[in-house]
């Protein structure tokens, strides 16, 4: 069972910029430029990638805002695996 092997983690991040990319039937997709602290190394990572946002969830992009996303981990390149927007902090 693959789902039993996947661990999720919650990452706190700072939004540096971004834009709405696409809307799907139930979810939106936003391209965010963000910075976060790596969960294992503690190193500050900057990346630009798509983040899923639930359609019914209010989402307003604010530069320099703090936010929280849940993901399946962090890839060696620093990109988050399948990030889903949780909330603005």
PDB file of N, CA and C in Angstrom:
ATOM      1  N   UNK A   1       0.843  -1.179   0.000  1.00  0.00           N
ATOM      2  CA  UNK A   1       0.000   0.000   0.000  1.00  0.00           C
ATOM      3  C   UNK A   1       0.885   1.239   0.000  1.00  0.00           C
ATOM      4  N   UNK A   2       0.873   1.928  -1.099  1.00  0.00           N
ATOM      5  CA  UNK A   2       1.714   3.104  -1.246  1.00  0.00           C
ATOM      6  C   UNK A   2       1.311   4.225  -0.295  1.00  0.00           C
ATOM      7  N   UNK A   3       0.015   4.446  -0.115  1.00  0.00           N
ATOM      8  CA  UNK A   3      -0.422   5.554   0.732  1.00  0.00           C
ATOM      9  C   UNK A   3       0.052   5.406   2.172  1.00  0.00           C
ATOM     10  N   UNK A   4       0.318   4.219   2.627  1.00  0.00           N
ATOM     11  CA  UNK A   4       0.805   4.015   3.994  1.00  0.00           C
ATOM     12  C   UNK A   4       2.273   4.432   4.121  1.00  0.00           C
ATOM     13  N   UNK A   5       3.004   4.449   3.005  1.00  0.00           N
ATOM     14  CA  UNK A   5       4.413   4.801   3.045  1.00  0.00           C
ATOM     15  C   UNK A   5       4.662   6.300   2.906  1.00  0.00           C
ATOM     16  N   UNK A   6       3.677   7.026   2.412  1.00  0.00           N
ATOM     17  CA  UNK A   6       3.841   8.459   2.170  1.00  0.00           C
ATOM     18  C   UNK A   6       3.598   9.230   3.463  1.00  0.00           C
ATOM     19  N   UNK A   7       4.546  10.084   3.815  1.00  0.00           N
ATOM     20  CA  UNK A   7       4.386  10.925   5.000  1.00  0.00           C
ATOM     21  C   UNK A   7       4.139  12.349   4.551  1.00  0.00           C
ATOM     22  N   UNK A   8       3.206  12.990   5.187  1.00  0.00           N
ATOM     23  CA  UNK A   8       2.953  14.382   4.849  1.00  0.00           C
ATOM     24  C   UNK A   8       3.641  15.274   5.873  1.00  0.00           C
ATOM     25  N   UNK A   9       3.917  16.487   5.465  1.00  0.00           N
ATOM     26  CA  UNK A   9       4.479  17.452   6.398  1.00  0.00           C
ATOM     27  C   UNK A   9       3.825  18.802   6.142  1.00  0.00           C
ATOM     28  N   UNK A  10       3.757  19.612   7.154  1.00  0.00           N
ATOM     29  CA  UNK A  10       3.214  20.959   7.031  1.00  0.00           C
ATOM     30  C   UNK A  10       4.376  21.927   7.047  1.00  0.00           C
ATOM     31  N   UNK A  11       4.380  22.847   6.080  1.00  0.00           N
ATOM     32  CA  UNK A  11       5.469  23.797   5.931  1.00  0.00           C
ATOM     33  C   UNK A  11       4.928  25.209   6.066  1.00  0.00           C
ATOM     34  N   UNK A  12       5.563  26.022   6.887  1.00  0.00           N
ATOM     35  CA  UNK A  12       5.238  27.440   7.013  1.00  0.00           C
ATOM     36  C   UNK A  12       6.076  28.167   5.967  1.00  0.00           C
ATOM     37  N   UNK A  13       5.483  29.096   5.233  1.00  0.00           N
ATOM     38  CA  UNK A  13       6.237  29.780   4.191  1.00  0.00           C
ATOM     39  C   UNK A  13       5.904  31.257   4.137  1.00  0.00           C
ATOM     40  N   UNK A  14       6.743  32.008   3.430  1.00  0.00           N
ATOM     41  CA  UNK A  14       6.518  33.428   3.170  1.00  0.00           C
ATOM     42  C   UNK A  14       6.300  33.587   1.677  1.00  0.00           C
ATOM     43  N   UNK A  15       5.201  34.226   1.296  1.00  0.00           N
ATOM     44  CA  UNK A  15       4.877  34.436  -0.113  1.00  0.00           C
ATOM     45  C   UNK A  15       5.663  35.636  -0.629  1.00  0.00           C
ATOM     46  N   UNK A  16       6.366  35.438  -1.740  1.00  0.00           N
ATOM     47  CA  UNK A  16       7.140  36.520  -2.357  1.00  0.00           C
ATOM     48  C   UNK A  16       6.455  37.090  -3.593  1.00  0.00           C
ATOM     49  N   UNK A  17       5.488  36.372  -4.136  1.00  0.00           N
ATOM     50  CA  UNK A  17       4.777  36.805  -5.340  1.00  0.00           C
ATOM     51  C   UNK A  17       4.026  35.645  -5.925  1.00  0.00           C
ATOM     52  N   UNK A  18       3.407  35.840  -7.089  1.00  0.00           N
ATOM     53  CA  UNK A  18       2.701  34.752  -7.740  1.00  0.00           C
ATOM     54  C   UNK A  18       1.531  35.232  -8.558  1.00  0.00           C
ATOM     55  N   UNK A  19       0.786  34.261  -9.091  1.00  0.00           N
ATOM     56  CA  UNK A  19      -0.392  34.559  -9.909  1.00  0.00           C
ATOM     57  C   UNK A  19      -1.255  33.308 -10.018  1.00  0.00           C
ATOM     58  N   UNK A  20      -2.534  33.508 -10.339  1.00  0.00           N
ATOM     59  CA  UNK A  20      -3.437  32.382 -10.566  1.00  0.00           C
ATOM     60  C   UNK A  20      -3.074  31.747 -11.894  1.00  0.00           C
ATOM     61  N   UNK A  21      -3.025  30.436 -11.931  1.00  0.00           N
ATOM     62  CA  UNK A  21      -2.634  29.718 -13.139  1.00  0.00           C
ATOM     63  C   UNK A  21      -3.847  29.115 -13.834  1.00  0.00           C
ATOM     64  N   UNK A  22      -4.671  28.376 -13.108  1.00  0.00           N
ATOM     65  CA  UNK A  22      -5.802  27.688 -13.728  1.00  0.00           C
ATOM     66  C   UNK A  22      -6.853  27.375 -12.676  1.00  0.00           C
ATOM     67  N   UNK A  23      -8.053  27.133 -13.124  1.00  0.00           N
ATOM     68  CA  UNK A  23      -9.124  26.694 -12.229  1.00  0.00           C
ATOM     69  C   UNK A  23      -9.655  25.374 -12.764  1.00  0.00           C
ATOM     70  N   UNK A  24      -9.797  24.421 -11.901  1.00  0.00           N
ATOM     71  CA  UNK A  24     -10.341  23.125 -12.273  1.00  0.00           C
ATOM     72  C   UNK A  24     -11.710  22.987 -11.630  1.00  0.00           C
ATOM     73  N   UNK A  25     -12.363  21.866 -11.818  1.00  0.00           N
ATOM     74  CA  UNK A  25     -13.733  21.711 -11.342  1.00  0.00           C
ATOM     75  C   UNK A  25     -13.856  21.928  -9.838  1.00  0.00           C
ATOM     76  N   UNK A  26     -12.893  21.457  -9.054  1.00  0.00           N
ATOM     77  CA  UNK A  26     -12.998  21.602  -7.605  1.00  0.00           C
ATOM     78  C   UNK A  26     -11.841  22.356  -6.980  1.00  0.00           C
ATOM     79  N   UNK A  27     -10.761  22.539  -7.710  1.00  0.00           N
ATOM     80  CA  UNK A  27      -9.584  23.160  -7.123  1.00  0.00           C
ATOM     81  C   UNK A  27      -9.043  24.250  -8.016  1.00  0.00           C
ATOM     82  N   UNK A  28      -8.377  25.194  -7.394  1.00  0.00           N
ATOM     83  CA  UNK A  28      -7.651  26.206  -8.136  1.00  0.00           C
ATOM     84  C   UNK A  28      -6.169  25.891  -8.047  1.00  0.00           C
ATOM     85  N   UNK A  29      -5.408  26.473  -8.934  1.00  0.00           N
ATOM     86  CA  UNK A  29      -3.973  26.257  -8.947  1.00  0.00           C
ATOM     87  C   UNK A  29      -3.321  27.620  -9.039  1.00  0.00           C
ATOM     88  N   UNK A  30      -2.460  27.931  -8.087  1.00  0.00           N
ATOM     89  CA  UNK A  30      -1.770  29.211  -8.076  1.00  0.00           C
ATOM     90  C   UNK A  30      -0.274  28.982  -8.131  1.00  0.00           C
ATOM     91  N   UNK A  31       0.403  29.801  -8.908  1.00  0.00           N
ATOM     92  CA  UNK A  31       1.851  29.747  -8.997  1.00  0.00           C
ATOM     93  C   UNK A  31       2.394  30.715  -7.957  1.00  0.00           C
ATOM     94  N   UNK A  32       3.098  30.181  -6.953  1.00  0.00           N
ATOM     95  CA  UNK A  32       3.604  31.018  -5.873  1.00  0.00           C
ATOM     96  C   UNK A  32       5.120  31.078  -5.889  1.00  0.00           C
ATOM     97  N   UNK A  33       5.631  32.244  -5.651  1.00  0.00           N
ATOM     98  CA  UNK A  33       7.055  32.414  -5.397  1.00  0.00           C
ATOM     99  C   UNK A  33       7.146  32.496  -3.882  1.00  0.00           C
ATOM    100  N   UNK A  34       7.879  31.573  -3.267  1.00  0.00           N
ATOM    101  CA  UNK A  34       7.838  31.463  -1.810  1.00  0.00           C
ATOM    102  C   UNK A  34       9.196  31.103  -1.231  1.00  0.00           C
ATOM    103  N   UNK A  35       9.315  31.276   0.053  1.00  0.00           N
ATOM    104  CA  UNK A  35      10.509  30.879   0.790  1.00  0.00           C
ATOM    105  C   UNK A  35      10.047  30.147   2.036  1.00  0.00           C
ATOM    106  N   UNK A  36      10.771  29.095   2.395  1.00  0.00           N
ATOM    107  CA  UNK A  36      10.420  28.327   3.589  1.00  0.00           C
ATOM    108  C   UNK A  36      11.677  27.748   4.213  1.00  0.00           C
ATOM    109  N   UNK A  37      11.538  27.281   5.433  1.00  0.00           N
ATOM    110  CA  UNK A  37      12.630  26.642   6.158  1.00  0.00           C
ATOM    111  C   UNK A  37      12.511  25.136   5.949  1.00  0.00           C
ATOM    112  N   UNK A  38      13.587  24.505   5.426  1.00  0.00           N
ATOM    113  CA  UNK A  38      13.552  23.070   5.144  1.00  0.00           C
ATOM    114  C   UNK A  38      13.275  22.301   6.436  1.00  0.00           C
ATOM    115  N   UNK A  39      12.297  21.378   6.432  1.00  0.00           N
ATOM    116  CA  UNK A  39      11.929  20.651   7.651  1.00  0.00           C
ATOM    117  C   UNK A  39      13.071  19.856   8.293  1.00  0.00           C
ATOM    118  N   UNK A  40      13.995  19.320   7.504  1.00  0.00           N
ATOM    119  CA  UNK A  40      15.082  18.507   8.068  1.00  0.00           C
ATOM    120  C   UNK A  40      16.354  19.297   8.337  1.00  0.00           C
ATOM    121  N   UNK A  41      16.764  20.104   7.356  1.00  0.00           N
ATOM    122  CA  UNK A  41      18.055  20.788   7.481  1.00  0.00           C
ATOM    123  C   UNK A  41      17.964  22.147   8.160  1.00  0.00           C
ATOM    124  N   UNK A  42      16.782  22.758   8.141  1.00  0.00           N
ATOM    125  CA  UNK A  42      16.613  24.087   8.714  1.00  0.00           C
ATOM    126  C   UNK A  42      17.099  25.201   7.789  1.00  0.00           C
ATOM    127  N   UNK A  43      17.571  24.824   6.599  1.00  0.00           N
ATOM    128  CA  UNK A  43      18.080  25.787   5.627  1.00  0.00           C
ATOM    129  C   UNK A  43      16.933  26.540   4.969  1.00  0.00           C
ATOM    130  N   UNK A  44      17.115  27.823   4.707  1.00  0.00           N
ATOM    131  CA  UNK A  44      16.094  28.646   4.044  1.00  0.00           C
ATOM    132  C   UNK A  44      16.123  28.340   2.535  1.00  0.00           C
ATOM    133  N   UNK A  45      14.953  27.976   1.981  1.00  0.00           N
ATOM    134  CA  UNK A  45      14.828  27.585   0.583  1.00  0.00           C
ATOM    135  C   UNK A  45      13.878  28.553  -0.121  1.00  0.00           C
ATOM    136  N   UNK A  46      14.254  29.007  -1.295  1.00  0.00           N
ATOM    137  CA  UNK A  46      13.374  29.830  -2.127  1.00  0.00           C
ATOM    138  C   UNK A  46      12.982  29.035  -3.357  1.00  0.00           C
ATOM    139  N   UNK A  47      11.715  29.031  -3.727  1.00  0.00           N
ATOM    140  CA  UNK A  47      11.242  28.275  -4.884  1.00  0.00           C
ATOM    141  C   UNK A  47      10.029  28.955  -5.501  1.00  0.00           C
ATOM    142  N   UNK A  48       9.735  28.590  -6.723  1.00  0.00           N
ATOM    143  CA  UNK A  48       8.552  29.083  -7.433  1.00  0.00           C
ATOM    144  C   UNK A  48       7.857  27.853  -7.989  1.00  0.00           C
ATOM    145  N   UNK A  49       6.640  27.592  -7.543  1.00  0.00           N
ATOM    146  CA  UNK A  49       5.927  26.406  -8.008  1.00  0.00           C
ATOM    147  C   UNK A  49       4.435  26.532  -7.817  1.00  0.00           C
ATOM    148  N   UNK A  50       3.698  25.642  -8.468  1.00  0.00           N
ATOM    149  CA  UNK A  50       2.242  25.624  -8.378  1.00  0.00           C
ATOM    150  C   UNK A  50       1.814  25.030  -7.041  1.00  0.00           C
ATOM    151  N   UNK A  51       0.785  25.621  -6.451  1.00  0.00           N
ATOM    152  CA  UNK A  51       0.217  25.157  -5.181  1.00  0.00           C
ATOM    153  C   UNK A  51      -1.288  25.008  -5.386  1.00  0.00           C
ATOM    154  N   UNK A  52      -1.820  23.853  -5.012  1.00  0.00           N
ATOM    155  CA  UNK A  52      -3.272  23.632  -5.129  1.00  0.00           C
ATOM    156  C   UNK A  52      -4.005  24.401  -4.035  1.00  0.00           C
ATOM    157  N   UNK A  53      -5.171  24.936  -4.402  1.00  0.00           N
ATOM    158  CA  UNK A  53      -6.029  25.657  -3.458  1.00  0.00           C
ATOM    159  C   UNK A  53      -7.440  25.135  -3.646  1.00  0.00           C
ATOM    160  N   UNK A  54      -8.083  24.709  -2.557  1.00  0.00           N
ATOM    161  CA  UNK A  54      -9.465  24.229  -2.645  1.00  0.00           C
ATOM    162  C   UNK A  54     -10.355  25.373  -3.129  1.00  0.00           C
ATOM    163  N   UNK A  55     -11.232  25.077  -4.064  1.00  0.00           N
ATOM    164  CA  UNK A  55     -12.054  26.126  -4.673  1.00  0.00           C
ATOM    165  C   UNK A  55     -12.910  26.856  -3.650  1.00  0.00           C
ATOM    166  N   UNK A  56     -13.491  26.152  -2.698  1.00  0.00           N
ATOM    167  CA  UNK A  56     -14.362  26.779  -1.716  1.00  0.00           C
ATOM    168  C   UNK A  56     -13.582  27.566  -0.663  1.00  0.00           C
ATOM    169  N   UNK A  57     -12.274  27.407  -0.645  1.00  0.00           N
ATOM    170  CA  UNK A  57     -11.452  28.102   0.338  1.00  0.00           C
ATOM    171  C   UNK A  57     -11.082  29.487  -0.185  1.00  0.00           C
ATOM    172  N   UNK A  58     -11.325  30.531   0.619  1.00  0.00           N
ATOM    173  CA  UNK A  58     -10.934  31.863   0.164  1.00  0.00           C
ATOM    174  C   UNK A  58      -9.415  31.968   0.057  1.00  0.00           C
ATOM    175  N   UNK A  59      -8.945  32.504  -1.050  1.00  0.00           N
ATOM    176  CA  UNK A  59      -7.510  32.653  -1.245  1.00  0.00           C
ATOM    177  C   UNK A  59      -7.243  34.001  -1.875  1.00  0.00           C
ATOM    178  N   UNK A  60      -6.488  34.827  -1.176  1.00  0.00           N
ATOM    179  CA  UNK A  60      -6.096  36.130  -1.687  1.00  0.00           C
ATOM    180  C   UNK A  60      -4.584  36.209  -1.575  1.00  0.00           C
ATOM    181  N   UNK A  61      -3.938  36.370  -2.708  1.00  0.00           N
ATOM    182  CA  UNK A  61      -2.487  36.419  -2.721  1.00  0.00           C
ATOM    183  C   UNK A  61      -2.000  37.757  -2.191  1.00  0.00           C
ATOM    184  N   UNK A  62      -1.213  37.711  -1.153  1.00  0.00           N
ATOM    185  CA  UNK A  62      -0.614  38.921  -0.598  1.00  0.00           C
ATOM    186  C   UNK A  62       0.880  38.688  -0.467  1.00  0.00           C
ATOM    187  N   UNK A  63       1.649  39.550  -1.128  1.00  0.00           N
ATOM    188  CA  UNK A  63       3.100  39.446  -1.054  1.00  0.00           C
ATOM    189  C   UNK A  63       3.539  39.717   0.383  1.00  0.00           C
ATOM    190  N   UNK A  64       4.506  38.973   0.862  1.00  0.00           N
ATOM    191  CA  UNK A  64       5.064  39.039   2.214  1.00  0.00           C
ATOM    192  C   UNK A  64       4.143  38.419   3.272  1.00  0.00           C
ATOM    193  N   UNK A  65       3.046  37.787   2.840  1.00  0.00           N
ATOM    194  CA  UNK A  65       2.160  37.112   3.792  1.00  0.00           C
ATOM    195  C   UNK A  65       2.788  35.789   4.218  1.00  0.00           C
ATOM    196  N   UNK A  66       2.442  35.343   5.406  1.00  0.00           N
ATOM    197  CA  UNK A  66       2.851  34.019   5.873  1.00  0.00           C
ATOM    198  C   UNK A  66       1.699  33.076   5.614  1.00  0.00           C
ATOM    199  N   UNK A  67       2.039  31.847   5.236  1.00  0.00           N
ATOM    200  CA  UNK A  67       1.013  30.856   4.922  1.00  0.00           C
ATOM    201  C   UNK A  67       1.498  29.479   5.345  1.00  0.00           C
ATOM    202  N   UNK A  68       0.589  28.529   5.290  1.00  0.00           N
ATOM    203  CA  UNK A  68       0.899  27.157   5.650  1.00  0.00           C
ATOM    204  C   UNK A  68       0.404  26.242   4.536  1.00  0.00           C
ATOM    205  N   UNK A  69       1.249  25.287   4.122  1.00  0.00           N
ATOM    206  CA  UNK A  69       0.855  24.293   3.128  1.00  0.00           C
ATOM    207  C   UNK A  69       1.176  22.910   3.672  1.00  0.00           C
ATOM    208  N   UNK A  70       0.422  21.920   3.227  1.00  0.00           N
ATOM    209  CA  UNK A  70       0.731  20.535   3.560  1.00  0.00           C
ATOM    210  C   UNK A  70       1.250  19.902   2.281  1.00  0.00           C
ATOM    211  N   UNK A  71       2.269  19.058   2.405  1.00  0.00           N
ATOM    212  CA  UNK A  71       2.854  18.424   1.223  1.00  0.00           C
ATOM    213  C   UNK A  71       3.320  17.015   1.585  1.00  0.00           C
ATOM    214  N   UNK A  72       3.726  16.260   0.572  1.00  0.00           N
ATOM    215  CA  UNK A  72       4.187  14.884   0.781  1.00  0.00           C
ATOM    216  C   UNK A  72       5.672  14.825   1.052  1.00  0.00           C
ATOM    217  N   UNK A  73       6.289  15.940   1.295  1.00  0.00           N
ATOM    218  CA  UNK A  73       7.714  15.976   1.569  1.00  0.00           C
ATOM    219  C   UNK A  73       8.408  17.009   0.711  1.00  0.00           C
ATOM    220  N   UNK A  74       9.726  17.044   0.808  1.00  0.00           N
ATOM    221  CA  UNK A  74      10.524  18.003   0.062  1.00  0.00           C
ATOM    222  C   UNK A  74      11.503  17.229  -0.821  1.00  0.00           C
ATOM    223  N   UNK A  75      11.541  17.562  -2.107  1.00  0.00           N
ATOM    224  CA  UNK A  75      12.456  16.911  -3.041  1.00  0.00           C
ATOM    225  C   UNK A  75      13.862  17.471  -2.859  1.00  0.00           C
ATOM    226  N   UNK A  76      14.880  16.753  -3.300  1.00  0.00           N
ATOM    227  CA  UNK A  76      16.255  17.238  -3.167  1.00  0.00           C
ATOM    228  C   UNK A  76      16.480  18.613  -3.800  1.00  0.00           C
ATOM    229  N   UNK A  77      15.693  18.945  -4.827  1.00  0.00           N
ATOM    230  CA  UNK A  77      15.832  20.248  -5.487  1.00  0.00           C
ATOM    231  C   UNK A  77      15.274  21.393  -4.644  1.00  0.00           C
ATOM    232  N   UNK A  78      14.526  21.050  -3.580  1.00  0.00           N
ATOM    233  CA  UNK A  78      13.902  22.072  -2.747  1.00  0.00           C
ATOM    234  C   UNK A  78      12.432  22.272  -3.050  1.00  0.00           C
ATOM    235  N   UNK A  79      11.940  21.670  -4.119  1.00  0.00           N
ATOM    236  CA  UNK A  79      10.519  21.790  -4.457  1.00  0.00           C
ATOM    237  C   UNK A  79       9.699  20.938  -3.494  1.00  0.00           C
ATOM    238  N   UNK A  80       8.517  21.437  -3.163  1.00  0.00           N
ATOM    239  CA  UNK A  80       7.601  20.702  -2.294  1.00  0.00           C
ATOM    240  C   UNK A  80       6.838  19.695  -3.134  1.00  0.00           C
ATOM    241  N   UNK A  81       6.603  18.505  -2.580  1.00  0.00           N
ATOM    242  CA  UNK A  81       5.861  17.460  -3.312  1.00  0.00           C
ATOM    243  C   UNK A  81       4.363  17.636  -3.095  1.00  0.00           C
ATOM    244  N   UNK A  82       3.636  17.926  -4.156  1.00  0.00           N
ATOM    245  CA  UNK A  82       2.178  18.056  -4.158  1.00  0.00           C
ATOM    246  C   UNK A  82       1.657  18.999  -3.064  1.00  0.00           C
ATOM    247  N   UNK A  83       2.093  20.251  -3.054  1.00  0.00           N
ATOM    248  CA  UNK A  83       1.665  21.170  -1.989  1.00  0.00           C
ATOM    249  C   UNK A  83       0.187  21.565  -2.113  1.00  0.00           C
ATOM    250  N   UNK A  84      -0.485  21.627  -0.983  1.00  0.00           N
ATOM    251  CA  UNK A  84      -1.875  22.048  -0.888  1.00  0.00           C
ATOM    252  C   UNK A  84      -1.956  23.174   0.124  1.00  0.00           C
ATOM    253  N   UNK A  85      -2.496  24.312  -0.295  1.00  0.00           N
ATOM    254  CA  UNK A  85      -2.625  25.482   0.571  1.00  0.00           C
ATOM    255  C   UNK A  85      -3.574  25.179   1.717  1.00  0.00           C
ATOM    256  N   UNK A  86      -3.152  25.459   2.950  1.00  0.00           N
ATOM    257  CA  UNK A  86      -4.011  25.252   4.112  1.00  0.00           C
ATOM    258  C   UNK A  86      -4.632  26.561   4.578  1.00  0.00           C
ATOM    259  N   UNK A  87      -3.809  27.530   4.920  1.00  0.00           N
ATOM    260  CA  UNK A  87      -4.329  28.778   5.448  1.00  0.00           C
ATOM    261  C   UNK A  87      -3.259  29.852   5.463  1.00  0.00           C
ATOM    262  N   UNK A  88      -3.705  31.093   5.441  1.00  0.00           N
ATOM    263  CA  UNK A  88      -2.800  32.207   5.670  1.00  0.00           C
ATOM    264  C   UNK A  88      -2.662  32.397   7.161  1.00  0.00           C
ATOM    265  N   UNK A  89      -1.468  32.661   7.600  1.00  0.00           N
ATOM    266  CA  UNK A  89      -1.224  32.828   9.050  1.00  0.00           C
ATOM    267  C   UNK A  89      -1.230  34.268   9.453  1.00  0.00           C
TER     268      UNK A  89
END
